Amino acid sequence: MSNSDQIPTYPLTPADPTQPPAYPTGYAPQQPYPAGYAPQPAYGAAPAGPYGQQPGAYGPQPGAYYVPVPVYYQEPDAPSGGFAVLGFFFPIVGLILFLVWNDRTPLRAKSAGKGALISVIVYAGIGILAVIISLIAAAVAVNSG
């Protein structure tokens, strides 16, 4: 078996560390640049960035990608008389606030819902009372006439 049929093992270490490695027959080091091409010139300092800062003066750059941990904001929850009054005078708004806030802030939602419920009960009572009074007035008008 000849020397050219052997596959070289890497890394090629020279016998004398001051000399470059000996390449087997048929293997030659590649030229760093193809014929006709010159190496690129060395670059100088980078130009100043915005506001006269040097590149790299922008603070630490983000590293590898990481999955952010969600941070949940816990809203303070307490019964609210203001939302109860709002729900009383605007029962639709009180009902909507109750449905939206029921999971996040149940005490505040309960205040708005109670105001809306009391409002509906009061308005229904006033309506029933108005019907009864108008029926009595009609009966008095028919009997007196």
Protein backbone atom coordinates (compact mmCIF):
# COMPACT_ATOMS: atom_id res chain seq x y z
CA MET A 1 0.00 0.00 0.00
CA SER A 2 1.46 3.34 -1.01
CA ASN A 3 1.58 6.56 0.96
CA SER A 4 -1.03 8.25 -1.31
CA ASP A 5 -3.66 5.61 -0.55
CA GLN A 6 -3.61 6.29 3.17
CA ILE A 7 -6.11 8.63 4.75
CA PRO A 8 -4.38 11.15 6.97
CA THR A 9 -5.37 11.41 10.60
CA TYR A 10 -6.03 14.80 12.08
CA PRO A 11 -4.77 16.87 13.67
CA LEU A 12 -1.49 16.59 11.85
CA THR A 13 1.18 17.22 14.43
CA PRO A 14 4.71 17.94 13.31
CA ALA A 15 7.69 16.17 14.80
CA ASP A 16 9.30 19.55 15.39
CA PRO A 17 6.82 22.04 16.95
CA THR A 18 8.59 24.97 15.30
CA GLN A 19 7.87 23.59 11.80
CA PRO A 20 4.49 23.47 10.03
CA PRO A 21 2.87 20.03 9.80
CA ALA A 22 3.96 17.70 7.02
CA TYR A 23 1.12 16.97 4.64
CA PRO A 24 0.85 13.51 3.08
CA THR A 25 1.51 13.10 -0.62
CA GLY A 26 -1.34 14.51 -2.68
CA TYR A 27 -2.51 16.90 0.01
CA ALA A 28 -1.37 20.48 -0.08
CA PRO A 29 -2.51 23.40 2.05
CA GLN A 30 -5.10 25.58 0.36
CA GLN A 31 -4.22 29.12 -0.51
CA PRO A 32 -6.06 31.58 1.74
CA TYR A 33 -7.39 33.52 -1.27
CA PRO A 34 -8.15 32.34 -4.79
CA ALA A 35 -5.78 33.55 -7.46
CA GLY A 36 -6.40 37.16 -8.45
CA TYR A 37 -8.12 38.18 -5.20
CA ALA A 38 -6.44 40.34 -2.61
CA PRO A 39 -7.25 40.11 1.08
CA GLN A 40 -9.72 42.64 2.46
CA PRO A 41 -8.24 45.68 4.15
CA ALA A 42 -8.43 45.91 7.93
CA TYR A 43 -11.25 48.09 9.19
CA GLY A 44 -10.72 51.04 11.52
CA ALA A 45 -12.81 52.04 14.50
CA ALA A 46 -16.57 51.97 14.10
CA PRO A 47 -18.30 55.33 13.56
CA ALA A 48 -20.05 56.97 16.48
CA GLY A 49 -23.67 55.99 17.02
CA PRO A 50 -26.62 58.29 17.65
CA TYR A 51 -26.03 61.08 20.14
CA GLY A 52 -22.27 60.62 19.85
CA GLN A 53 -22.16 57.28 21.64
CA GLN A 54 -19.79 54.59 20.58
CA PRO A 55 -21.32 51.29 19.49
CA GLY A 56 -21.45 49.00 22.45
CA ALA A 57 -22.30 51.90 24.75
CA TYR A 58 -25.97 50.97 24.51
CA GLY A 59 -25.91 48.78 27.61
CA PRO A 60 -25.98 45.02 27.86
CA GLN A 61 -27.44 43.21 24.90
CA PRO A 62 -29.90 40.38 25.42
CA GLY A 63 -28.38 36.94 25.60
CA ALA A 64 -29.93 33.70 24.53
CA TYR A 65 -33.67 33.47 24.07
CA TYR A 66 -35.56 32.64 27.22
CA VAL A 67 -39.22 32.10 27.94
CA PRO A 68 -40.49 34.97 30.07
CA VAL A 69 -42.36 34.03 33.21
CA PRO A 70 -45.80 35.64 33.25
CA VAL A 71 -46.29 38.12 36.06
CA TYR A 72 -49.85 38.43 37.20
CA TYR A 73 -50.96 41.69 38.75
CA GLN A 74 -53.31 41.14 41.63
CA GLU A 75 -55.79 43.99 41.77
CA PRO A 76 -56.79 45.12 45.24
CA ASP A 77 -60.25 43.80 46.00
CA ALA A 78 -62.63 45.40 48.47
CA PRO A 79 -66.34 46.15 48.54
CA SER A 80 -67.07 49.51 46.95
CA GLY A 81 -69.99 51.74 47.82
CA GLY A 82 -69.36 53.89 44.74
CA PHE A 83 -69.88 50.97 42.38
CA ALA A 84 -72.99 49.95 44.33
CA VAL A 85 -74.44 53.44 43.79
CA LEU A 86 -73.41 53.32 40.13
CA GLY A 87 -75.12 49.94 39.77
CA PHE A 88 -78.23 51.29 41.48
CA PHE A 89 -78.69 54.27 39.16
CA PHE A 90 -77.51 52.42 36.04
CA PRO A 91 -78.48 48.76 36.51
CA ILE A 92 -77.23 47.68 33.07
CA VAL A 93 -73.76 49.08 33.87
CA GLY A 94 -73.85 47.35 37.27
CA LEU A 95 -74.72 44.02 35.63
CA ILE A 96 -71.94 44.38 33.05
CA LEU A 97 -69.40 45.28 35.75
CA PHE A 98 -70.52 42.29 37.80
CA LEU A 99 -70.06 39.92 34.86
CA VAL A 100 -66.65 41.35 33.90
CA TRP A 101 -65.16 41.60 37.40
CA ASN A 102 -66.61 38.43 38.91
CA ASP A 103 -63.43 36.36 38.35
CA ARG A 104 -60.76 38.99 39.06
CA THR A 105 -62.25 41.04 41.91
CA PRO A 106 -65.28 39.23 43.36
CA LEU A 107 -65.95 41.66 46.23
CA ARG A 108 -66.03 44.72 43.99
CA ALA A 109 -68.14 42.83 41.45
CA LYS A 110 -70.55 41.82 44.19
CA SER A 111 -71.00 45.49 45.16
CA ALA A 112 -71.86 46.51 41.60
CA GLY A 113 -74.17 43.49 41.22
CA LYS A 114 -75.97 44.20 44.51
CA GLY A 115 -76.55 47.81 43.44
CA ALA A 116 -78.00 46.63 40.13
CA LEU A 117 -80.18 43.97 41.80
CA ILE A 118 -81.53 46.41 44.41
CA SER A 119 -82.24 48.89 41.60
CA VAL A 120 -84.22 46.31 39.61
CA ILE A 121 -86.20 45.31 42.72
CA VAL A 122 -86.96 48.96 43.57
CA TYR A 123 -87.96 49.81 39.98
CA ALA A 124 -90.18 46.70 39.82
CA GLY A 125 -91.78 47.64 43.16
CA ILE A 126 -92.40 51.19 41.95
CA GLY A 127 -93.90 49.82 38.74
CA ILE A 128 -96.22 47.43 40.60
CA LEU A 129 -97.24 50.23 42.98
CA ALA A 130 -97.97 52.53 40.00
CA VAL A 131 -100.17 49.87 38.39
CA ILE A 132 -102.09 49.32 41.66
CA ILE A 133 -102.57 53.07 42.20
CA SER A 134 -103.75 53.58 38.60
CA LEU A 135 -106.24 50.65 38.94
CA ILE A 136 -107.61 52.15 42.17
CA ALA A 137 -107.89 55.57 40.53
CA ALA A 138 -109.73 54.05 37.56
CA ALA A 139 -112.10 52.19 39.88
CA VAL A 140 -112.84 55.36 41.86
CA ALA A 141 -113.45 57.28 38.64
CA VAL A 142 -115.89 54.62 37.35
CA ASN A 143 -117.82 54.39 40.64
CA SER A 144 -118.12 58.14 41.14
CA GLY A 145 -119.32 58.83 37.71
